[in-house]
Protein backbone atom coordinates (compact mmCIF):
# COMPACT_ATOMS: atom_id res chain seq x y z
CA MET A 1 -57.88 -187.65 119.07
CA TYR A 2 -58.85 -190.78 117.23
CA ARG A 3 -60.04 -194.31 118.07
CA ILE A 4 -58.90 -197.74 116.76
CA ILE A 5 -62.14 -199.32 115.59
CA SER A 6 -61.44 -202.95 115.60
CA GLY A 7 -58.92 -205.76 116.31
CA LYS A 8 -56.47 -206.20 119.21
CA TRP A 9 -56.75 -202.57 120.25
CA LYS A 10 -60.53 -202.07 119.58
CA ALA A 11 -61.85 -198.90 121.18
CA LYS A 12 -58.34 -197.69 122.07
CA LYS A 13 -58.20 -193.85 121.99
CA ILE A 14 -55.05 -192.32 120.66
CA ALA A 15 -54.47 -188.66 121.72
CA ALA A 16 -51.88 -186.69 119.69
CA PRO A 17 -50.25 -183.66 121.31
CA LYS A 18 -52.52 -180.56 121.00
CA ASN A 19 -50.02 -178.61 118.81
CA PHE A 20 -50.36 -181.25 115.92
CA GLU A 21 -52.52 -179.97 113.10
CA VAL A 22 -54.01 -183.11 111.84
CA ARG A 23 -57.31 -184.39 110.35
CA PRO A 24 -57.54 -188.12 111.07
CA THR A 25 -60.18 -190.08 109.08
CA THR A 26 -63.49 -190.14 110.99
CA ASP A 27 -64.53 -193.24 112.81
CA PHE A 28 -67.61 -193.46 110.67
CA ALA A 29 -65.60 -193.39 107.41
CA LYS A 30 -62.78 -195.60 108.75
CA GLU A 31 -65.33 -198.28 109.87
CA ALA A 32 -66.98 -198.18 106.40
CA LEU A 33 -63.50 -198.40 104.70
CA PHE A 34 -62.31 -201.37 106.72
CA SER A 35 -65.71 -203.17 106.20
CA ILE A 36 -65.02 -202.81 102.45
CA LEU A 37 -61.35 -204.01 102.77
CA GLU A 38 -62.07 -206.99 104.97
CA HIS A 39 -64.64 -208.28 102.52
CA ARG A 40 -61.86 -208.21 99.75
CA PHE A 41 -58.68 -209.00 101.64
CA ASP A 42 -57.32 -211.07 104.42
CA LEU A 43 -55.65 -208.12 106.13
CA GLU A 44 -53.27 -210.27 108.06
CA PHE A 45 -51.48 -211.30 104.99
CA CYS A 46 -51.59 -207.95 103.12
CA SER A 47 -48.75 -205.51 102.48
CA VAL A 48 -50.00 -201.95 103.05
CA LEU A 49 -48.61 -198.54 102.04
CA ASP A 50 -50.08 -195.55 103.95
CA LEU A 51 -49.21 -192.28 102.23
CA PHE A 52 -49.49 -189.01 104.03
CA ALA A 53 -49.79 -191.12 107.26
CA GLY A 54 -50.41 -188.15 109.61
CA ILE A 55 -50.47 -189.46 113.14
CA GLY A 56 -51.16 -193.00 112.09
CA SER A 57 -54.95 -193.44 112.22
CA ILE A 58 -55.01 -195.71 109.25
CA THR A 59 -51.63 -197.46 109.84
CA LEU A 60 -52.56 -198.35 113.51
CA GLU A 61 -56.01 -199.60 112.37
CA PHE A 62 -54.30 -201.99 109.93
CA ALA A 63 -51.82 -203.07 112.59
CA SER A 64 -54.61 -203.63 115.23
CA ARG A 65 -56.25 -205.93 112.66
CA ASP A 66 -53.08 -208.16 112.53
CA CYS A 67 -51.67 -206.74 109.29
CA GLN A 68 -47.98 -207.58 109.57
CA ASP A 69 -46.42 -205.39 106.72
CA ILE A 70 -47.28 -201.65 106.93
CA THR A 71 -45.10 -198.95 105.48
CA SER A 72 -46.14 -195.41 106.43
CA ILE A 73 -44.84 -192.41 104.68
CA GLU A 74 -45.03 -189.11 106.58
CA LEU A 75 -43.08 -185.83 105.97
CA ASN A 76 -43.64 -184.16 109.33
CA PRO A 77 -40.92 -185.45 111.75
CA LYS A 78 -43.06 -185.03 114.80
CA HIS A 79 -45.98 -186.96 113.29
CA ALA A 80 -43.64 -189.73 112.04
CA GLY A 81 -42.10 -189.95 115.53
CA PHE A 82 -45.54 -190.18 116.99
CA ILE A 83 -46.58 -193.09 114.71
CA ASN A 84 -43.27 -194.87 115.70
CA SER A 85 -43.72 -194.30 119.44
CA THR A 86 -47.35 -195.12 119.48
CA ALA A 87 -46.72 -198.46 117.49
CA GLN A 88 -44.03 -199.33 119.98
CA GLU A 89 -46.20 -198.66 122.95
CA LEU A 90 -48.97 -200.85 121.58
CA GLY A 91 -46.56 -203.64 120.66
CA MET A 92 -46.93 -203.03 116.90
CA GLY A 93 -43.40 -201.88 116.31
CA LEU A 94 -42.44 -204.90 114.11
CA GLN A 95 -45.50 -204.41 111.88
CA VAL A 96 -45.03 -200.80 111.18
CA ASN A 97 -42.16 -199.22 109.17
CA THR A 98 -42.47 -195.46 109.26
CA GLN A 99 -40.44 -193.51 106.78
CA ARG A 100 -40.06 -189.72 106.91
CA PHE A 101 -40.26 -188.45 103.30
CA ASP A 102 -42.21 -186.23 101.00
CA VAL A 103 -44.77 -188.64 99.43
CA PHE A 104 -44.14 -187.38 95.90
CA ASP A 105 -40.33 -187.71 96.20
CA TRP A 106 -40.71 -191.20 97.73
CA LEU A 107 -43.01 -192.31 94.88
CA LYS A 108 -40.70 -191.00 92.25
CA ARG A 109 -37.79 -192.96 93.84
CA LYS A 110 -39.77 -196.10 93.90
CA LYS A 111 -40.50 -196.36 90.16
CA ASN A 112 -40.59 -200.04 89.19
CA HIS A 113 -39.45 -200.98 92.68
CA GLU A 114 -39.45 -204.62 93.50
CA LYS A 115 -41.71 -204.22 96.61
CA LYS A 116 -45.43 -204.31 95.71
CA TYR A 117 -48.41 -203.62 97.92
CA ASP A 118 -51.90 -205.18 98.23
CA ILE A 119 -53.31 -201.93 99.51
CA ILE A 120 -52.16 -198.38 99.07
CA PHE A 121 -53.96 -195.78 101.00
CA ALA A 122 -53.45 -191.89 100.51
CA ASP A 123 -54.95 -189.08 102.59
CA ALA A 124 -53.27 -185.98 101.15
CA PRO A 125 -53.88 -182.71 102.96
CA PHE A 126 -57.27 -181.33 101.76
CA GLU A 127 -55.61 -178.15 100.48
CA THR A 128 -53.61 -180.09 97.99
CA ASP A 129 -54.50 -178.77 94.54
CA GLU A 130 -56.18 -181.00 91.83
CA LYS A 131 -52.98 -181.18 89.67
CA LYS A 132 -51.08 -182.79 92.69
CA TYR A 133 -53.94 -185.28 93.28
CA ASN A 134 -53.80 -186.31 89.64
CA GLU A 135 -50.01 -186.51 89.90
CA LEU A 136 -50.40 -188.76 92.96
CA ILE A 137 -52.85 -191.13 91.25
CA ASP A 138 -50.57 -191.37 88.26
CA LEU A 139 -47.40 -191.98 90.32
CA VAL A 140 -49.04 -194.69 92.32
CA LEU A 141 -50.58 -196.48 89.34
CA SER A 142 -47.82 -195.99 86.75
CA ASN A 143 -44.98 -196.97 89.20
CA GLU A 144 -46.32 -200.57 89.43
CA LEU A 145 -46.50 -200.38 93.21
CA LEU A 146 -49.73 -202.38 93.39
CA LYS A 147 -49.84 -206.18 93.17
CA PRO A 148 -52.12 -207.41 90.28
CA ASN A 149 -55.25 -207.55 92.50
CA GLY A 150 -54.19 -204.57 94.58
CA LEU A 151 -56.25 -201.53 95.48
CA PHE A 152 -55.35 -197.92 95.75
CA ILE A 153 -57.65 -195.84 97.87
CA LEU A 154 -57.58 -192.09 97.67
CA GLU A 155 -59.34 -190.17 100.44
CA HIS A 156 -60.45 -186.64 99.31
CA GLN A 157 -63.05 -184.00 99.69
CA SER A 158 -66.45 -185.09 98.37
CA ARG A 159 -66.81 -182.24 95.97
CA GLN A 160 -63.69 -183.37 94.09
CA LYS A 161 -63.80 -185.96 91.34
CA TYR A 162 -60.89 -187.81 89.92
CA PRO A 163 -61.98 -189.66 86.74
CA HIS A 164 -59.30 -192.20 85.67
CA PRO A 165 -59.52 -195.43 83.58
CA ASN A 166 -58.57 -197.40 86.78
CA LEU A 167 -61.16 -195.81 88.96
CA LYS A 168 -63.56 -198.65 89.95
CA ASP A 169 -65.66 -197.04 92.65
CA THR A 170 -66.20 -193.93 94.82
CA ARG A 171 -67.88 -193.95 98.20
CA LYS A 172 -69.04 -190.86 100.04
CA TYR A 173 -69.00 -190.52 103.88
CA GLY A 174 -69.94 -187.08 105.04
CA ASN A 175 -67.60 -184.57 103.45
CA ILE A 176 -65.05 -187.09 102.34
CA ASN A 177 -64.88 -189.63 99.49
CA PHE A 178 -62.85 -192.68 99.13
CA SER A 179 -61.98 -193.35 95.39
CA PHE A 180 -60.96 -196.88 94.76
CA PHE A 181 -58.47 -197.60 91.85
CA GLU A 182 -57.27 -200.91 90.72
CA ALA A 183 -53.80 -201.82 89.38
CA GLN A 184 -52.80 -200.94 85.86
CA PRO A 185 -53.16 -203.86 83.51
CA VAL A 186 -49.75 -205.58 82.85
CA SER A 187 -48.57 -204.51 79.37
CA GLU A 188 -47.66 -207.42 77.05
């Protein structure tokens, strides 16, 4: 179960079926993350990409805060279906575009894609190994998916560190970190 922190559906509790193995971002961490984002962006006008969307905790938080353009990538068909059905029930169906894909395959297909995002959020399963995390960072940043002032946020275990030239900040909330990466400079 998770809760939408703010917006139209503030305090709304979302309960996933008991057989779903998920780890939604904690309320404490999510509240801190969205405080940071709302100081930097007008979320209503942002385009958002939620990678490893799980059961939609981050996706629906953006939608509740009036973000109109959210793409959620989730491999598990039950989870993707849950995001879609929950978004429809809450009247957010037009805001949320859920696609059932392996995130790495999706990112490889989107190299130099015309669609760019203001915010990309990724919460890979914690058992993902360090090589795959580094591949994820490289795919997001090298594929030019971020707009020039865009931000890529990687949620990961606090004991892990991901040094990268585009890493601008890391914030710790309990046993998780949010690492913030900015877009690659445009080559001349």
